[in-house]
């Protein structure tokens, strides 16, 4: 196999998969529920992703309050309707070099929306499942966040 691999048979979901429509942010993280009441065999907001390259989150935000936040979590152990281990999307923050050592802080990454609008957020991943949560630090009953997921699926890699 050569160093250059090309994608073949790349397909993308034709219709964005609804994660949650008109989720009213609250002061606590609220996990979307695929726009239906979670049942005993359904993990809230479990977006199955095996074999995907990129997940596009299509976020429609209507804000009256100052801010809404969105958090993304990943699981490698999702199996049908269960996901035992969720890992929050994290960011690294390198600190200053001191005595030849760079310490790197790890923080939870969230997306902050301060203006109403429509946003497309690409997330590169190789996980079995994803779930999305929303909150507003100072919520207003008129706040709305609708989220849809559009998957780009890798069928195979072949040498070019």
C-alpha atoms as a PDB file:
ATOM      1  CA  UNK A   1       0.000   0.000   0.000  1.00  0.00           C
ATOM      2  CA  UNK A   2       1.337   3.419  -0.891  1.00  0.00           C
ATOM      3  CA  UNK A   3       1.460   6.309   1.517  1.00  0.00           C
ATOM      4  CA  UNK A   4      -1.355   8.027  -0.346  1.00  0.00           C
ATOM      5  CA  UNK A   5      -4.703   6.414   0.380  1.00  0.00           C
ATOM      6  CA  UNK A   6      -7.811   7.650  -1.371  1.00  0.00           C
ATOM      7  CA  UNK A   7     -11.359   7.273  -0.240  1.00  0.00           C
ATOM      8  CA  UNK A   8     -13.690   5.282  -2.399  1.00  0.00           C
ATOM      9  CA  UNK A   9     -17.464   5.022  -2.097  1.00  0.00           C
ATOM     10  CA  UNK A  10     -17.785   7.915   0.312  1.00  0.00           C
ATOM     11  CA  UNK A  11     -21.429   8.505   1.112  1.00  0.00           C
ATOM     12  CA  UNK A  12     -23.145  11.058   3.240  1.00  0.00           C
ATOM     13  CA  UNK A  13     -26.529  10.889   4.917  1.00  0.00           C
ATOM     14  CA  UNK A  14     -28.953  12.588   2.543  1.00  0.00           C
ATOM     15  CA  UNK A  15     -31.163  13.877   5.345  1.00  0.00           C
ATOM     16  CA  UNK A  16     -29.716  15.188   8.600  1.00  0.00           C
ATOM     17  CA  UNK A  17     -30.616  12.956  11.516  1.00  0.00           C
ATOM     18  CA  UNK A  18     -32.632  14.809  14.116  1.00  0.00           C
ATOM     19  CA  UNK A  19     -30.923  14.946  17.485  1.00  0.00           C
ATOM     20  CA  UNK A  20     -33.329  17.322  19.154  1.00  0.00           C
ATOM     21  CA  UNK A  21     -35.551  20.122  18.015  1.00  0.00           C
ATOM     22  CA  UNK A  22     -36.305  23.175  20.106  1.00  0.00           C
ATOM     23  CA  UNK A  23     -34.363  22.039  23.129  1.00  0.00           C
ATOM     24  CA  UNK A  24     -34.893  24.760  25.716  1.00  0.00           C
ATOM     25  CA  UNK A  25     -31.571  25.287  27.463  1.00  0.00           C
ATOM     26  CA  UNK A  26     -31.555  25.122  31.240  1.00  0.00           C
ATOM     27  CA  UNK A  27     -28.904  25.954  33.824  1.00  0.00           C
ATOM     28  CA  UNK A  28     -27.838  22.279  33.857  1.00  0.00           C
ATOM     29  CA  UNK A  29     -26.581  20.094  30.979  1.00  0.00           C
ATOM     30  CA  UNK A  30     -29.544  18.534  29.176  1.00  0.00           C
ATOM     31  CA  UNK A  31     -28.805  15.582  26.927  1.00  0.00           C
ATOM     32  CA  UNK A  32     -30.858  15.564  23.743  1.00  0.00           C
ATOM     33  CA  UNK A  33     -33.082  12.548  23.235  1.00  0.00           C
ATOM     34  CA  UNK A  34     -33.413  12.128  19.470  1.00  0.00           C
ATOM     35  CA  UNK A  35     -36.691  14.042  19.742  1.00  0.00           C
ATOM     36  CA  UNK A  36     -38.503  11.277  21.575  1.00  0.00           C
ATOM     37  CA  UNK A  37     -38.993  10.180  25.142  1.00  0.00           C
ATOM     38  CA  UNK A  38     -36.117   7.885  26.180  1.00  0.00           C
ATOM     39  CA  UNK A  39     -37.276   4.346  26.823  1.00  0.00           C
ATOM     40  CA  UNK A  40     -35.685   1.460  28.714  1.00  0.00           C
ATOM     41  CA  UNK A  41     -33.806   0.314  25.592  1.00  0.00           C
ATOM     42  CA  UNK A  42     -32.808   3.759  24.343  1.00  0.00           C
ATOM     43  CA  UNK A  43     -29.822   5.744  25.542  1.00  0.00           C
ATOM     44  CA  UNK A  44     -30.681   9.434  25.337  1.00  0.00           C
ATOM     45  CA  UNK A  45     -29.153  11.064  22.269  1.00  0.00           C
ATOM     46  CA  UNK A  46     -27.091   8.061  21.204  1.00  0.00           C
ATOM     47  CA  UNK A  47     -25.825   8.860  17.717  1.00  0.00           C
ATOM     48  CA  UNK A  48     -24.361   5.632  16.295  1.00  0.00           C
ATOM     49  CA  UNK A  49     -21.301   6.355  14.172  1.00  0.00           C
ATOM     50  CA  UNK A  50     -19.262   3.260  13.351  1.00  0.00           C
ATOM     51  CA  UNK A  51     -17.204   3.773  10.203  1.00  0.00           C
ATOM     52  CA  UNK A  52     -17.565   7.559  10.100  1.00  0.00           C
ATOM     53  CA  UNK A  53     -14.955  10.164   9.296  1.00  0.00           C
ATOM     54  CA  UNK A  54     -16.786  13.372  10.148  1.00  0.00           C
ATOM     55  CA  UNK A  55     -19.909  14.273  12.071  1.00  0.00           C
ATOM     56  CA  UNK A  56     -21.453  17.608  11.145  1.00  0.00           C
ATOM     57  CA  UNK A  57     -23.651  19.116  13.845  1.00  0.00           C
ATOM     58  CA  UNK A  58     -26.203  21.495  12.343  1.00  0.00           C
ATOM     59  CA  UNK A  59     -27.196  23.820  15.181  1.00  0.00           C
ATOM     60  CA  UNK A  60     -30.044  26.325  14.978  1.00  0.00           C
ATOM     61  CA  UNK A  61     -29.921  28.757  17.908  1.00  0.00           C
ATOM     62  CA  UNK A  62     -32.514  31.342  18.990  1.00  0.00           C
ATOM     63  CA  UNK A  63     -31.288  33.239  22.046  1.00  0.00           C
ATOM     64  CA  UNK A  64     -32.939  35.693  24.367  1.00  0.00           C
ATOM     65  CA  UNK A  65     -30.431  35.089  27.164  1.00  0.00           C
ATOM     66  CA  UNK A  66     -26.738  35.898  26.773  1.00  0.00           C
ATOM     67  CA  UNK A  67     -25.409  32.434  25.952  1.00  0.00           C
ATOM     68  CA  UNK A  68     -26.132  28.799  25.223  1.00  0.00           C
ATOM     69  CA  UNK A  69     -23.462  26.084  25.420  1.00  0.00           C
ATOM     70  CA  UNK A  70     -23.203  22.724  23.680  1.00  0.00           C
ATOM     71  CA  UNK A  71     -21.079  19.809  24.906  1.00  0.00           C
ATOM     72  CA  UNK A  72     -20.142  16.689  22.906  1.00  0.00           C
ATOM     73  CA  UNK A  73     -19.280  13.317  24.468  1.00  0.00           C
ATOM     74  CA  UNK A  74     -17.855  10.202  22.814  1.00  0.00           C
ATOM     75  CA  UNK A  75     -18.078   6.476  23.582  1.00  0.00           C
ATOM     76  CA  UNK A  76     -16.051   3.543  22.268  1.00  0.00           C
ATOM     77  CA  UNK A  77     -18.198   0.999  24.115  1.00  0.00           C
ATOM     78  CA  UNK A  78     -21.612   1.732  22.641  1.00  0.00           C
ATOM     79  CA  UNK A  79     -23.394  -1.497  21.838  1.00  0.00           C
ATOM     80  CA  UNK A  80     -26.865  -1.184  20.357  1.00  0.00           C
ATOM     81  CA  UNK A  81     -28.784   0.763  22.990  1.00  0.00           C
ATOM     82  CA  UNK A  82     -26.142   1.017  25.708  1.00  0.00           C
ATOM     83  CA  UNK A  83     -23.040   3.102  26.160  1.00  0.00           C
ATOM     84  CA  UNK A  84     -21.132   2.502  29.360  1.00  0.00           C
ATOM     85  CA  UNK A  85     -18.275   4.988  29.129  1.00  0.00           C
ATOM     86  CA  UNK A  86     -18.693   8.592  27.957  1.00  0.00           C
ATOM     87  CA  UNK A  87     -15.653  10.805  27.391  1.00  0.00           C
ATOM     88  CA  UNK A  88     -16.193  14.542  27.133  1.00  0.00           C
ATOM     89  CA  UNK A  89     -14.665  16.415  24.177  1.00  0.00           C
ATOM     90  CA  UNK A  90     -11.486  17.916  25.628  1.00  0.00           C
ATOM     91  CA  UNK A  91      -9.004  20.610  24.706  1.00  0.00           C
ATOM     92  CA  UNK A  92      -5.342  20.962  25.596  1.00  0.00           C
ATOM     93  CA  UNK A  93      -3.860  24.198  26.904  1.00  0.00           C
ATOM     94  CA  UNK A  94      -0.061  24.214  26.933  1.00  0.00           C
ATOM     95  CA  UNK A  95       1.462  26.299  29.689  1.00  0.00           C
ATOM     96  CA  UNK A  96       4.782  28.134  29.644  1.00  0.00           C
ATOM     97  CA  UNK A  97       8.017  26.175  29.397  1.00  0.00           C
ATOM     98  CA  UNK A  98       9.617  25.933  32.840  1.00  0.00           C
ATOM     99  CA  UNK A  99      12.857  24.059  33.545  1.00  0.00           C
ATOM    100  CA  UNK A 100      12.587  22.145  30.278  1.00  0.00           C
ATOM    101  CA  UNK A 101       9.071  20.916  31.002  1.00  0.00           C
ATOM    102  CA  UNK A 102       5.837  21.984  29.365  1.00  0.00           C
ATOM    103  CA  UNK A 103       2.818  21.172  31.462  1.00  0.00           C
ATOM    104  CA  UNK A 104      -0.396  20.810  29.508  1.00  0.00           C
ATOM    105  CA  UNK A 105      -3.757  21.505  31.080  1.00  0.00           C
ATOM    106  CA  UNK A 106      -6.762  19.466  29.979  1.00  0.00           C
ATOM    107  CA  UNK A 107     -10.145  21.123  29.934  1.00  0.00           C
ATOM    108  CA  UNK A 108     -13.678  20.298  28.897  1.00  0.00           C
ATOM    109  CA  UNK A 109     -14.438  21.767  25.502  1.00  0.00           C
ATOM    110  CA  UNK A 110     -17.846  23.235  24.828  1.00  0.00           C
ATOM    111  CA  UNK A 111     -19.271  25.365  22.052  1.00  0.00           C
ATOM    112  CA  UNK A 112     -20.545  28.748  23.189  1.00  0.00           C
ATOM    113  CA  UNK A 113     -23.317  30.475  21.224  1.00  0.00           C
ATOM    114  CA  UNK A 114     -23.850  34.166  21.996  1.00  0.00           C
ATOM    115  CA  UNK A 115     -25.777  35.154  18.857  1.00  0.00           C
ATOM    116  CA  UNK A 116     -28.876  33.593  17.310  1.00  0.00           C
ATOM    117  CA  UNK A 117     -28.128  31.851  14.026  1.00  0.00           C
ATOM    118  CA  UNK A 118     -27.495  28.614  12.156  1.00  0.00           C
ATOM    119  CA  UNK A 119     -24.131  26.929  12.730  1.00  0.00           C
ATOM    120  CA  UNK A 120     -22.387  23.957  11.078  1.00  0.00           C
ATOM    121  CA  UNK A 121     -19.785  22.334  13.322  1.00  0.00           C
ATOM    122  CA  UNK A 122     -17.575  19.567  11.866  1.00  0.00           C
ATOM    123  CA  UNK A 123     -16.138  17.019  14.296  1.00  0.00           C
ATOM    124  CA  UNK A 124     -13.562  14.495  13.081  1.00  0.00           C
ATOM    125  CA  UNK A 125     -13.911  11.213  14.929  1.00  0.00           C
ATOM    126  CA  UNK A 126     -13.584   7.476  14.952  1.00  0.00           C
ATOM    127  CA  UNK A 127     -15.934   6.496  17.756  1.00  0.00           C
ATOM    128  CA  UNK A 128     -18.914   4.185  18.072  1.00  0.00           C
ATOM    129  CA  UNK A 129     -21.275   6.789  19.480  1.00  0.00           C
ATOM    130  CA  UNK A 130     -21.697  10.459  20.304  1.00  0.00           C
ATOM    131  CA  UNK A 131     -24.165  12.369  22.450  1.00  0.00           C
ATOM    132  CA  UNK A 132     -24.782  16.104  22.623  1.00  0.00           C
ATOM    133  CA  UNK A 133     -25.860  18.192  25.629  1.00  0.00           C
ATOM    134  CA  UNK A 134     -26.960  21.815  25.904  1.00  0.00           C
ATOM    135  CA  UNK A 135     -27.183  24.357  28.722  1.00  0.00           C
ATOM    136  CA  UNK A 136     -27.647  28.089  29.220  1.00  0.00           C
ATOM    137  CA  UNK A 137     -25.889  29.585  32.266  1.00  0.00           C
ATOM    138  CA  UNK A 138     -28.749  32.113  32.675  1.00  0.00           C
ATOM    139  CA  UNK A 139     -31.641  30.585  30.694  1.00  0.00           C
ATOM    140  CA  UNK A 140     -34.712  32.304  29.332  1.00  0.00           C
ATOM    141  CA  UNK A 141     -37.881  30.349  28.513  1.00  0.00           C
ATOM    142  CA  UNK A 142     -37.736  31.684  24.941  1.00  0.00           C
ATOM    143  CA  UNK A 143     -34.266  30.219  24.243  1.00  0.00           C
ATOM    144  CA  UNK A 144     -34.257  27.456  21.615  1.00  0.00           C
ATOM    145  CA  UNK A 145     -31.532  25.170  20.329  1.00  0.00           C
ATOM    146  CA  UNK A 146     -32.288  22.642  17.582  1.00  0.00           C
ATOM    147  CA  UNK A 147     -29.566  20.141  16.658  1.00  0.00           C
ATOM    148  CA  UNK A 148     -29.324  17.802  13.680  1.00  0.00           C
ATOM    149  CA  UNK A 149     -26.486  15.390  12.859  1.00  0.00           C
ATOM    150  CA  UNK A 150     -25.163  14.843   9.350  1.00  0.00           C
ATOM    151  CA  UNK A 151     -22.719  11.939   8.992  1.00  0.00           C
ATOM    152  CA  UNK A 152     -19.998  11.489   6.404  1.00  0.00           C
ATOM    153  CA  UNK A 153     -19.398   7.755   6.190  1.00  0.00           C
ATOM    154  CA  UNK A 154     -16.194   6.095   4.990  1.00  0.00           C
ATOM    155  CA  UNK A 155     -16.872   2.918   3.046  1.00  0.00           C
ATOM    156  CA  UNK A 156     -13.257   1.928   2.380  1.00  0.00           C
ATOM    157  CA  UNK A 157      -9.730   3.119   1.854  1.00  0.00           C
ATOM    158  CA  UNK A 158      -7.746   1.963  -1.147  1.00  0.00           C
ATOM    159  CA  UNK A 159      -4.225   2.799  -2.250  1.00  0.00           C
ATOM    160  CA  UNK A 160      -3.994   5.322  -5.040  1.00  0.00           C
END
